[in-house]
Structure formats: structure tokens, C-alpha cells
Amino acid sequence: MIHYRPKPCIGSGYCCNEAVCIVGVEHHGPHKGPCRSLEWDEEAGRHWCGLVRAGHVSEWELAIGAGCCSPFNPWRQEANEDRTKEAIDGSEKM
């Protein structure tokens, strides 16, 4: 049996870009492409679900933050590399 531990969610938006959850379909109707409720938060440097922010559904109900378990998420590595670079660049300015 293979055991896989999800990695902490980094808000890459990958999941909502690849598939619209049932709550997104209920609010926006069936459609192709990223969920229309996917929002970018410039200050936080991550994506959020607009339906969660508006109180239509909880993070728990959508398993948001439960962790990335998709081995096909190339955005995760890229986002982590960008954040590491920003942290290094920011510390050099001090």
C-alpha cells in the first residue's frame, strides 16, 4: 500500500484552475477553464476561493488548505522557488 502525505497548501490556484468544484458549478454553471471564483490576492501572494471569502462555503467543505496531493502540480514547485528567491532577495536588502 502506498501512503502519500499531502504537502501544505500554498495557494497556487492549480486545483481550481484544473477543475471547477461542485460549489463553483452551482454558482457559475458548468463551464470550461478555471473556476470563475478563483481570486488572486496580491498582498498575500496567493490565490483564494471567492466563494469561501463571500461565506458561501467553508474552506473545510472544499478541503482548502488540506494540502496539495497532486503529483501533477508543476505550479507548486515554481511558486516555492519564487517565494524562496523573494525571501533571499529581501534579506539581501537589509
PDB file of N, CA and C in Angstrom:
ATOM      1  N   MET A   1       0.832  -1.174   0.000  1.00  0.00           N
ATOM      2  CA  MET A   1       0.000   0.000   0.000  1.00  0.00           C
ATOM      3  C   MET A   1       0.884   1.247   0.000  1.00  0.00           C
ATOM      4  N   ILE A   2       0.557   2.186  -0.859  1.00  0.00           N
ATOM      5  CA  ILE A   2       1.309   3.433  -0.945  1.00  0.00           C
ATOM      6  C   ILE A   2       0.647   4.473  -0.045  1.00  0.00           C
ATOM      7  N   HIS A   3       1.452   5.093   0.797  1.00  0.00           N
ATOM      8  CA  HIS A   3       0.948   6.155   1.653  1.00  0.00           C
ATOM      9  C   HIS A   3       1.522   7.477   1.156  1.00  0.00           C
ATOM     10  N   TYR A   4       0.654   8.451   0.988  1.00  0.00           N
ATOM     11  CA  TYR A   4       1.097   9.749   0.499  1.00  0.00           C
ATOM     12  C   TYR A   4       0.627  10.812   1.469  1.00  0.00           C
ATOM     13  N   ARG A   5       1.537  11.634   1.908  1.00  0.00           N
ATOM     14  CA  ARG A   5       1.175  12.737   2.791  1.00  0.00           C
ATOM     15  C   ARG A   5       1.052  14.004   1.959  1.00  0.00           C
ATOM     16  N   PRO A   6      -0.113  14.652   2.026  1.00  0.00           N
ATOM     17  CA  PRO A   6      -0.252  15.904   1.280  1.00  0.00           C
ATOM     18  C   PRO A   6       0.719  16.954   1.797  1.00  0.00           C
ATOM     19  N   LYS A   7       1.185  17.780   0.902  1.00  0.00           N
ATOM     20  CA  LYS A   7       2.064  18.882   1.275  1.00  0.00           C
ATOM     21  C   LYS A   7       1.185  20.079   1.615  1.00  0.00           C
ATOM     22  N   PRO A   8       1.646  20.978   2.470  1.00  0.00           N
ATOM     23  CA  PRO A   8       0.822  22.135   2.837  1.00  0.00           C
ATOM     24  C   PRO A   8       0.394  22.940   1.611  1.00  0.00           C
ATOM     25  N   CYS A   9      -0.841  23.412   1.654  1.00  0.00           N
ATOM     26  CA  CYS A   9      -1.380  24.224   0.563  1.00  0.00           C
ATOM     27  C   CYS A   9      -0.619  25.544   0.499  1.00  0.00           C
ATOM     28  N   ILE A  10      -0.237  25.944  -0.715  1.00  0.00           N
ATOM     29  CA  ILE A  10       0.458  27.221  -0.879  1.00  0.00           C
ATOM     30  C   ILE A  10      -0.379  28.230  -1.665  1.00  0.00           C
ATOM     31  N   GLY A  11      -1.623  27.857  -1.986  1.00  0.00           N
ATOM     32  CA  GLY A  11      -2.494  28.781  -2.696  1.00  0.00           C
ATOM     33  C   GLY A  11      -2.077  29.048  -4.130  1.00  0.00           C
ATOM     34  N   SER A  12      -1.554  28.029  -4.794  1.00  0.00           N
ATOM     35  CA  SER A  12      -1.086  28.216  -6.177  1.00  0.00           C
ATOM     36  C   SER A  12      -2.235  28.421  -7.156  1.00  0.00           C
ATOM     37  N   GLY A  13      -3.426  27.963  -6.798  1.00  0.00           N
ATOM     38  CA  GLY A  13      -4.571  28.071  -7.689  1.00  0.00           C
ATOM     39  C   GLY A  13      -4.686  26.924  -8.673  1.00  0.00           C
ATOM     40  N   TYR A  14      -3.748  26.005  -8.617  1.00  0.00           N
ATOM     41  CA  TYR A  14      -3.708  24.900  -9.570  1.00  0.00           C
ATOM     42  C   TYR A  14      -4.998  24.084  -9.570  1.00  0.00           C
ATOM     43  N   CYS A  15      -5.459  23.710  -8.395  1.00  0.00           N
ATOM     44  CA  CYS A  15      -6.646  22.838  -8.302  1.00  0.00           C
ATOM     45  C   CYS A  15      -7.858  23.494  -8.956  1.00  0.00           C
ATOM     46  N   CYS A  16      -8.112  24.754  -8.618  1.00  0.00           N
ATOM     47  CA  CYS A  16      -9.282  25.467  -9.138  1.00  0.00           C
ATOM     48  C   CYS A  16      -9.122  25.839 -10.604  1.00  0.00           C
ATOM     49  N   ASN A  17      -7.903  25.877 -11.066  1.00  0.00           N
ATOM     50  CA  ASN A  17      -7.651  26.138 -12.476  1.00  0.00           C
ATOM     51  C   ASN A  17      -7.904  24.889 -13.316  1.00  0.00           C
ATOM     52  N   GLU A  18      -7.636  23.746 -12.734  1.00  0.00           N
ATOM     53  CA  GLU A  18      -7.766  22.482 -13.461  1.00  0.00           C
ATOM     54  C   GLU A  18      -9.189  21.936 -13.459  1.00  0.00           C
ATOM     55  N   ALA A  19      -9.935  22.167 -12.398  1.00  0.00           N
ATOM     56  CA  ALA A  19     -11.288  21.617 -12.285  1.00  0.00           C
ATOM     57  C   ALA A  19     -12.145  22.523 -11.407  1.00  0.00           C
ATOM     58  N   VAL A  20     -13.373  22.738 -11.834  1.00  0.00           N
ATOM     59  CA  VAL A  20     -14.307  23.543 -11.055  1.00  0.00           C
ATOM     60  C   VAL A  20     -15.037  22.619 -10.094  1.00  0.00           C
ATOM     61  N   CYS A  21     -15.038  22.983  -8.808  1.00  0.00           N
ATOM     62  CA  CYS A  21     -15.707  22.147  -7.812  1.00  0.00           C
ATOM     63  C   CYS A  21     -17.225  22.263  -7.963  1.00  0.00           C
ATOM     64  N   ILE A  22     -17.953  21.418  -7.289  1.00  0.00           N
ATOM     65  CA  ILE A  22     -19.410  21.397  -7.402  1.00  0.00           C
ATOM     66  C   ILE A  22     -20.030  22.726  -6.947  1.00  0.00           C
ATOM     67  N   VAL A  23     -19.430  23.372  -5.959  1.00  0.00           N
ATOM     68  CA  VAL A  23     -19.945  24.658  -5.489  1.00  0.00           C
ATOM     69  C   VAL A  23     -19.749  25.725  -6.569  1.00  0.00           C
ATOM     70  N   GLY A  24     -18.612  25.693  -7.243  1.00  0.00           N
ATOM     71  CA  GLY A  24     -18.362  26.615  -8.344  1.00  0.00           C
ATOM     72  C   GLY A  24     -19.343  26.397  -9.493  1.00  0.00           C
ATOM     73  N   VAL A  25     -19.649  25.142  -9.790  1.00  0.00           N
ATOM     74  CA  VAL A  25     -20.615  24.826 -10.840  1.00  0.00           C
ATOM     75  C   VAL A  25     -21.999  25.319 -10.433  1.00  0.00           C
ATOM     76  N   GLU A  26     -22.372  25.139  -9.162  1.00  0.00           N
ATOM     77  CA  GLU A  26     -23.675  25.614  -8.688  1.00  0.00           C
ATOM     78  C   GLU A  26     -23.803  27.127  -8.809  1.00  0.00           C
ATOM     79  N   HIS A  27     -22.723  27.855  -8.568  1.00  0.00           N
ATOM     80  CA  HIS A  27     -22.764  29.319  -8.622  1.00  0.00           C
ATOM     81  C   HIS A  27     -22.601  29.884 -10.028  1.00  0.00           C
ATOM     82  N   HIS A  28     -21.797  29.248 -10.850  1.00  0.00           N
ATOM     83  CA  HIS A  28     -21.454  29.806 -12.158  1.00  0.00           C
ATOM     84  C   HIS A  28     -21.973  28.991 -13.337  1.00  0.00           C
ATOM     85  N   GLY A  29     -22.529  27.822 -13.069  1.00  0.00           N
ATOM     86  CA  GLY A  29     -22.946  26.928 -14.138  1.00  0.00           C
ATOM     87  C   GLY A  29     -21.749  26.169 -14.675  1.00  0.00           C
ATOM     88  N   PRO A  30     -21.996  25.079 -15.385  1.00  0.00           N
ATOM     89  CA  PRO A  30     -20.878  24.311 -15.935  1.00  0.00           C
ATOM     90  C   PRO A  30     -20.127  25.134 -16.979  1.00  0.00           C
ATOM     91  N   HIS A  31     -18.837  25.097 -16.915  1.00  0.00           N
ATOM     92  CA  HIS A  31     -18.014  25.818 -17.889  1.00  0.00           C
ATOM     93  C   HIS A  31     -16.615  25.219 -17.922  1.00  0.00           C
ATOM     94  N   LYS A  32     -15.916  25.483 -18.999  1.00  0.00           N
ATOM     95  CA  LYS A  32     -14.528  25.042 -19.139  1.00  0.00           C
ATOM     96  C   LYS A  32     -13.613  26.143 -18.645  1.00  0.00           C
ATOM     97  N   GLY A  33     -12.421  25.750 -18.299  1.00  0.00           N
ATOM     98  CA  GLY A  33     -11.447  26.737 -17.848  1.00  0.00           C
ATOM     99  C   GLY A  33     -11.445  26.853 -16.341  1.00  0.00           C
ATOM    100  N   PRO A  34     -10.672  27.805 -15.828  1.00  0.00           N
ATOM    101  CA  PRO A  34     -10.562  27.939 -14.376  1.00  0.00           C
ATOM    102  C   PRO A  34     -11.882  28.366 -13.742  1.00  0.00           C
ATOM    103  N   CYS A  35     -12.020  28.071 -12.485  1.00  0.00           N
ATOM    104  CA  CYS A  35     -13.203  28.487 -11.734  1.00  0.00           C
ATOM    105  C   CYS A  35     -13.281  30.014 -11.744  1.00  0.00           C
ATOM    106  N   ARG A  36     -14.447  30.521 -11.968  1.00  0.00           N
ATOM    107  CA  ARG A  36     -14.644  31.969 -12.027  1.00  0.00           C
ATOM    108  C   ARG A  36     -14.550  32.619 -10.660  1.00  0.00           C
ATOM    109  N   SER A  37     -14.510  31.818  -9.610  1.00  0.00           N
ATOM    110  CA  SER A  37     -14.366  32.367  -8.260  1.00  0.00           C
ATOM    111  C   SER A  37     -12.920  32.388  -7.788  1.00  0.00           C
ATOM    112  N   LEU A  38     -12.009  31.916  -8.604  1.00  0.00           N
ATOM    113  CA  LEU A  38     -10.595  31.917  -8.244  1.00  0.00           C
ATOM    114  C   LEU A  38     -10.075  33.352  -8.244  1.00  0.00           C
ATOM    115  N   GLU A  39      -9.580  33.797  -7.114  1.00  0.00           N
ATOM    116  CA  GLU A  39      -9.108  35.175  -6.964  1.00  0.00           C
ATOM    117  C   GLU A  39      -7.633  35.195  -6.596  1.00  0.00           C
ATOM    118  N   TRP A  40      -6.918  36.180  -7.120  1.00  0.00           N
ATOM    119  CA  TRP A  40      -5.513  36.397  -6.781  1.00  0.00           C
ATOM    120  C   TRP A  40      -5.446  37.497  -5.725  1.00  0.00           C
ATOM    121  N   ASP A  41      -4.716  37.243  -4.658  1.00  0.00           N
ATOM    122  CA  ASP A  41      -4.513  38.226  -3.596  1.00  0.00           C
ATOM    123  C   ASP A  41      -3.069  38.694  -3.680  1.00  0.00           C
ATOM    124  N   GLU A  42      -2.864  39.876  -4.232  1.00  0.00           N
ATOM    125  CA  GLU A  42      -1.519  40.404  -4.443  1.00  0.00           C
ATOM    126  C   GLU A  42      -0.757  40.538  -3.134  1.00  0.00           C
ATOM    127  N   GLU A  43      -1.429  41.039  -2.106  1.00  0.00           N
ATOM    128  CA  GLU A  43      -0.769  41.261  -0.822  1.00  0.00           C
ATOM    129  C   GLU A  43      -0.305  39.955  -0.178  1.00  0.00           C
ATOM    130  N   ALA A  44      -1.158  38.934  -0.252  1.00  0.00           N
ATOM    131  CA  ALA A  44      -0.808  37.632   0.333  1.00  0.00           C
ATOM    132  C   ALA A  44       0.071  36.809  -0.603  1.00  0.00           C
ATOM    133  N   GLY A  45       0.078  37.166  -1.891  1.00  0.00           N
ATOM    134  CA  GLY A  45       0.881  36.416  -2.858  1.00  0.00           C
ATOM    135  C   GLY A  45       0.353  35.022  -3.100  1.00  0.00           C
ATOM    136  N   ARG A  46      -0.963  34.873  -3.105  1.00  0.00           N
ATOM    137  CA  ARG A  46      -1.570  33.556  -3.301  1.00  0.00           C
ATOM    138  C   ARG A  46      -2.991  33.695  -3.828  1.00  0.00           C
ATOM    139  N   HIS A  47      -3.548  32.586  -4.257  1.00  0.00           N
ATOM    140  CA  HIS A  47      -4.929  32.536  -4.719  1.00  0.00           C
ATOM    141  C   HIS A  47      -5.852  32.188  -3.553  1.00  0.00           C
ATOM    142  N   TRP A  48      -7.093  32.605  -3.673  1.00  0.00           N
ATOM    143  CA  TRP A  48      -8.138  32.275  -2.704  1.00  0.00           C
ATOM    144  C   TRP A  48      -9.416  31.943  -3.460  1.00  0.00           C
ATOM    145  N   CYS A  49     -10.301  31.243  -2.796  1.00  0.00           N
ATOM    146  CA  CYS A  49     -11.618  30.961  -3.353  1.00  0.00           C
ATOM    147  C   CYS A  49     -12.546  32.117  -2.978  1.00  0.00           C
ATOM    148  N   GLY A  50     -13.099  32.788  -3.982  1.00  0.00           N
ATOM    149  CA  GLY A  50     -14.022  33.885  -3.741  1.00  0.00           C
ATOM    150  C   GLY A  50     -15.298  33.433  -3.064  1.00  0.00           C
ATOM    151  N   LEU A  51     -15.709  32.188  -3.279  1.00  0.00           N
ATOM    152  CA  LEU A  51     -16.914  31.669  -2.632  1.00  0.00           C
ATOM    153  C   LEU A  51     -16.696  31.475  -1.135  1.00  0.00           C
ATOM    154  N   VAL A  52     -15.489  31.105  -0.757  1.00  0.00           N
ATOM    155  CA  VAL A  52     -15.154  30.999   0.669  1.00  0.00           C
ATOM    156  C   VAL A  52     -15.116  32.390   1.288  1.00  0.00           C
ATOM    157  N   ARG A  53     -14.454  33.306   0.605  1.00  0.00           N
ATOM    158  CA  ARG A  53     -14.349  34.681   1.116  1.00  0.00           C
ATOM    159  C   ARG A  53     -15.725  35.327   1.281  1.00  0.00           C
ATOM    160  N   ALA A  54     -16.667  34.979   0.408  1.00  0.00           N
ATOM    161  CA  ALA A  54     -18.013  35.555   0.473  1.00  0.00           C
ATOM    162  C   ALA A  54     -18.917  34.811   1.459  1.00  0.00           C
ATOM    163  N   GLY A  55     -18.404  33.714   2.031  1.00  0.00           N
ATOM    164  CA  GLY A  55     -19.172  32.965   3.023  1.00  0.00           C
ATOM    165  C   GLY A  55     -20.163  31.965   2.449  1.00  0.00           C
ATOM    166  N   HIS A  56     -20.066  31.625   1.161  1.00  0.00           N
ATOM    167  CA  HIS A  56     -20.976  30.660   0.546  1.00  0.00           C
ATOM    168  C   HIS A  56     -20.635  29.218   0.909  1.00  0.00           C
ATOM    169  N   VAL A  57     -19.383  28.993   1.266  1.00  0.00           N
ATOM    170  CA  VAL A  57     -18.905  27.643   1.582  1.00  0.00           C
ATOM    171  C   VAL A  57     -17.669  27.805   2.471  1.00  0.00           C
ATOM    172  N   SER A  58     -17.381  26.780   3.257  1.00  0.00           N
ATOM    173  CA  SER A  58     -16.212  26.870   4.140  1.00  0.00           C
ATOM    174  C   SER A  58     -14.991  26.231   3.486  1.00  0.00           C
ATOM    175  N   GLU A  59     -13.823  26.624   3.972  1.00  0.00           N
ATOM    176  CA  GLU A  59     -12.578  26.007   3.489  1.00  0.00           C
ATOM    177  C   GLU A  59     -12.607  24.509   3.755  1.00  0.00           C
ATOM    178  N   TRP A  60     -13.153  24.124   4.902  1.00  0.00           N
ATOM    179  CA  TRP A  60     -13.205  22.712   5.281  1.00  0.00           C
ATOM    180  C   TRP A  60     -14.026  21.918   4.270  1.00  0.00           C
ATOM    181  N   GLU A  61     -15.170  22.471   3.839  1.00  0.00           N
ATOM    182  CA  GLU A  61     -16.040  21.753   2.907  1.00  0.00           C
ATOM    183  C   GLU A  61     -15.350  21.484   1.569  1.00  0.00           C
ATOM    184  N   LEU A  62     -14.453  22.374   1.182  1.00  0.00           N
ATOM    185  CA  LEU A  62     -13.741  22.194  -0.086  1.00  0.00           C
ATOM    186  C   LEU A  62     -12.343  21.610   0.106  1.00  0.00           C
ATOM    187  N   ALA A  63     -11.995  21.316   1.348  1.00  0.00           N
ATOM    188  CA  ALA A  63     -10.671  20.772   1.696  1.00  0.00           C
ATOM    189  C   ALA A  63      -9.550  21.735   1.329  1.00  0.00           C
ATOM    190  N   ILE A  64      -9.856  23.026   1.330  1.00  0.00           N
ATOM    191  CA  ILE A  64      -8.835  24.033   1.046  1.00  0.00           C
ATOM    192  C   ILE A  64      -7.861  24.063   2.216  1.00  0.00           C
ATOM    193  N   GLY A  65      -6.606  24.010   1.908  1.00  0.00           N
ATOM    194  CA  GLY A  65      -5.588  24.009   2.944  1.00  0.00           C
ATOM    195  C   GLY A  65      -5.267  22.626   3.466  1.00  0.00           C
ATOM    196  N   ALA A  66      -5.991  21.614   2.986  1.00  0.00           N
ATOM    197  CA  ALA A  66      -5.725  20.248   3.425  1.00  0.00           C
ATOM    198  C   ALA A  66      -4.389  19.767   2.887  1.00  0.00           C
ATOM    199  N   GLY A  67      -3.928  20.424   1.851  1.00  0.00           N
ATOM    200  CA  GLY A  67      -2.614  20.089   1.316  1.00  0.00           C
ATOM    201  C   GLY A  67      -2.681  19.634  -0.120  1.00  0.00           C
ATOM    202  N   CYS A  68      -1.624  19.915  -0.812  1.00  0.00           N
ATOM    203  CA  CYS A  68      -1.531  19.533  -2.206  1.00  0.00           C
ATOM    204  C   CYS A  68      -1.168  18.055  -2.289  1.00  0.00           C
ATOM    205  N   CYS A  69      -2.018  17.301  -2.951  1.00  0.00           N
ATOM    206  CA  CYS A  69      -1.713  15.875  -3.121  1.00  0.00           C
ATOM    207  C   CYS A  69      -1.600  15.516  -4.592  1.00  0.00           C
ATOM    208  N   SER A  70      -1.546  16.538  -5.440  1.00  0.00           N
ATOM    209  CA  SER A  70      -1.433  16.259  -6.862  1.00  0.00           C
ATOM    210  C   SER A  70       0.030  16.195  -7.287  1.00  0.00           C
ATOM    211  N   PRO A  71       0.491  15.035  -7.696  1.00  0.00           N
ATOM    212  CA  PRO A  71       1.877  14.946  -8.173  1.00  0.00           C
ATOM    213  C   PRO A  71       2.035  15.634  -9.526  1.00  0.00           C
ATOM    214  N   PHE A  72       0.927  16.056 -10.122  1.00  0.00           N
ATOM    215  CA  PHE A  72       0.964  16.693 -11.435  1.00  0.00           C
ATOM    216  C   PHE A  72       0.945  18.214 -11.342  1.00  0.00           C
ATOM    217  N   ASN A  73       1.098  18.782 -10.142  1.00  0.00           N
ATOM    218  CA  ASN A  73       1.031  20.226  -9.947  1.00  0.00           C
ATOM    219  C   ASN A  73       2.409  20.859 -10.150  1.00  0.00           C
ATOM    220  N   PRO A  74       2.706  21.303 -11.377  1.00  0.00           N
ATOM    221  CA  PRO A  74       4.009  21.923 -11.623  1.00  0.00           C
ATOM    222  C   PRO A  74       4.095  23.319 -11.010  1.00  0.00           C
ATOM    223  N   TRP A  75       2.943  23.923 -10.726  1.00  0.00           N
ATOM    224  CA  TRP A  75       2.921  25.277 -10.170  1.00  0.00           C
ATOM    225  C   TRP A  75       3.474  25.309  -8.758  1.00  0.00           C
ATOM    226  N   ARG A  76       3.317  24.216  -8.022  1.00  0.00           N
ATOM    227  CA  ARG A  76       3.772  24.174  -6.632  1.00  0.00           C
ATOM    228  C   ARG A  76       5.274  24.432  -6.546  1.00  0.00           C
ATOM    229  N   GLN A  77       6.042  23.728  -7.351  1.00  0.00           N
ATOM    230  CA  GLN A  77       7.493  23.893  -7.323  1.00  0.00           C
ATOM    231  C   GLN A  77       7.881  25.295  -7.763  1.00  0.00           C
ATOM    232  N   GLU A  78       7.226  25.797  -8.821  1.00  0.00           N
ATOM    233  CA  GLU A  78       7.530  27.140  -9.308  1.00  0.00           C
ATOM    234  C   GLU A  78       7.222  28.201  -8.252  1.00  0.00           C
ATOM    235  N   ALA A  79       6.088  28.064  -7.586  1.00  0.00           N
ATOM    236  CA  ALA A  79       5.705  29.043  -6.557  1.00  0.00           C
ATOM    237  C   ALA A  79       6.679  29.000  -5.392  1.00  0.00           C
ATOM    238  N   ASN A  80       7.079  27.803  -4.989  1.00  0.00           N
ATOM    239  CA  ASN A  80       8.043  27.689  -3.895  1.00  0.00           C
ATOM    240  C   ASN A  80       9.388  28.293  -4.278  1.00  0.00           C
ATOM    241  N   GLU A  81       9.822  28.085  -5.519  1.00  0.00           N
ATOM    242  CA  GLU A  81      11.093  28.665  -5.978  1.00  0.00           C
ATOM    243  C   GLU A  81      11.007  30.188  -5.989  1.00  0.00           C
ATOM    244  N   ASP A  82       9.864  30.738  -6.453  1.00  0.00           N
ATOM    245  CA  ASP A  82       9.673  32.187  -6.471  1.00  0.00           C
ATOM    246  C   ASP A  82       9.700  32.760  -5.058  1.00  0.00           C
ATOM    247  N   ARG A  83       9.027  32.088  -4.125  1.00  0.00           N
ATOM    248  CA  ARG A  83       8.983  32.578  -2.736  1.00  0.00           C
ATOM    249  C   ARG A  83      10.354  32.500  -2.080  1.00  0.00           C
ATOM    250  N   THR A  84      11.117  31.458  -2.389  1.00  0.00           N
ATOM    251  CA  THR A  84      12.460  31.334  -1.840  1.00  0.00           C
ATOM    252  C   THR A  84      13.336  32.454  -2.373  1.00  0.00           C
ATOM    253  N   LYS A  85      13.228  32.719  -3.668  1.00  0.00           N
ATOM    254  CA  LYS A  85      14.006  33.792  -4.279  1.00  0.00           C
ATOM    255  C   LYS A  85      13.637  35.150  -3.669  1.00  0.00           C
ATOM    256  N   GLU A  86      12.338  35.398  -3.468  1.00  0.00           N
ATOM    257  CA  GLU A  86      11.896  36.655  -2.856  1.00  0.00           C
ATOM    258  C   GLU A  86      12.442  36.794  -1.445  1.00  0.00           C
ATOM    259  N   ALA A  87      12.442  35.700  -0.691  1.00  0.00           N
ATOM    260  CA  ALA A  87      12.944  35.734   0.681  1.00  0.00           C
ATOM    261  C   ALA A  87      14.440  36.039   0.690  1.00  0.00           C
ATOM    262  N   ILE A  88      15.169  35.428  -0.240  1.00  0.00           N
ATOM    263  CA  ILE A  88      16.611  35.666  -0.326  1.00  0.00           C
ATOM    264  C   ILE A  88      16.873  37.099  -0.758  1.00  0.00           C
ATOM    265  N   ASP A  89      16.167  37.566  -1.804  1.00  0.00           N
ATOM    266  CA  ASP A  89      16.337  38.927  -2.290  1.00  0.00           C
ATOM    267  C   ASP A  89      15.982  39.940  -1.217  1.00  0.00           C
ATOM    268  N   GLY A  90      14.939  39.671  -0.460  1.00  0.00           N
ATOM    269  CA  GLY A  90      14.509  40.578   0.596  1.00  0.00           C
ATOM    270  C   GLY A  90      15.508  40.661   1.732  1.00  0.00           C
ATOM    271  N   SER A  91      16.151  39.543   2.053  1.00  0.00           N
ATOM    272  CA  SER A  91      17.125  39.537   3.150  1.00  0.00           C
ATOM    273  C   SER A  91      18.419  40.227   2.747  1.00  0.00           C
ATOM    274  N   GLU A  92      18.725  40.229   1.440  1.00  0.00           N
ATOM    275  CA  GLU A  92      19.935  40.881   0.966  1.00  0.00           C
ATOM    276  C   GLU A  92      19.830  42.409   1.063  1.00  0.00           C
ATOM    277  N   LYS A  93      18.595  42.916   1.024  1.00  0.00           N
ATOM    278  CA  LYS A  93      18.386  44.359   1.069  1.00  0.00           C
ATOM    279  C   LYS A  93      18.551  44.921   2.476  1.00  0.00           C
ATOM    280  N   MET A  94      18.557  44.057   3.482  1.00  0.00           N
ATOM    281  CA  MET A  94      18.640  44.516   4.868  1.00  0.00           C
ATOM    282  C   MET A  94      20.045  44.881   5.241  1.00  0.00           C
TER     283      MET A  94
END
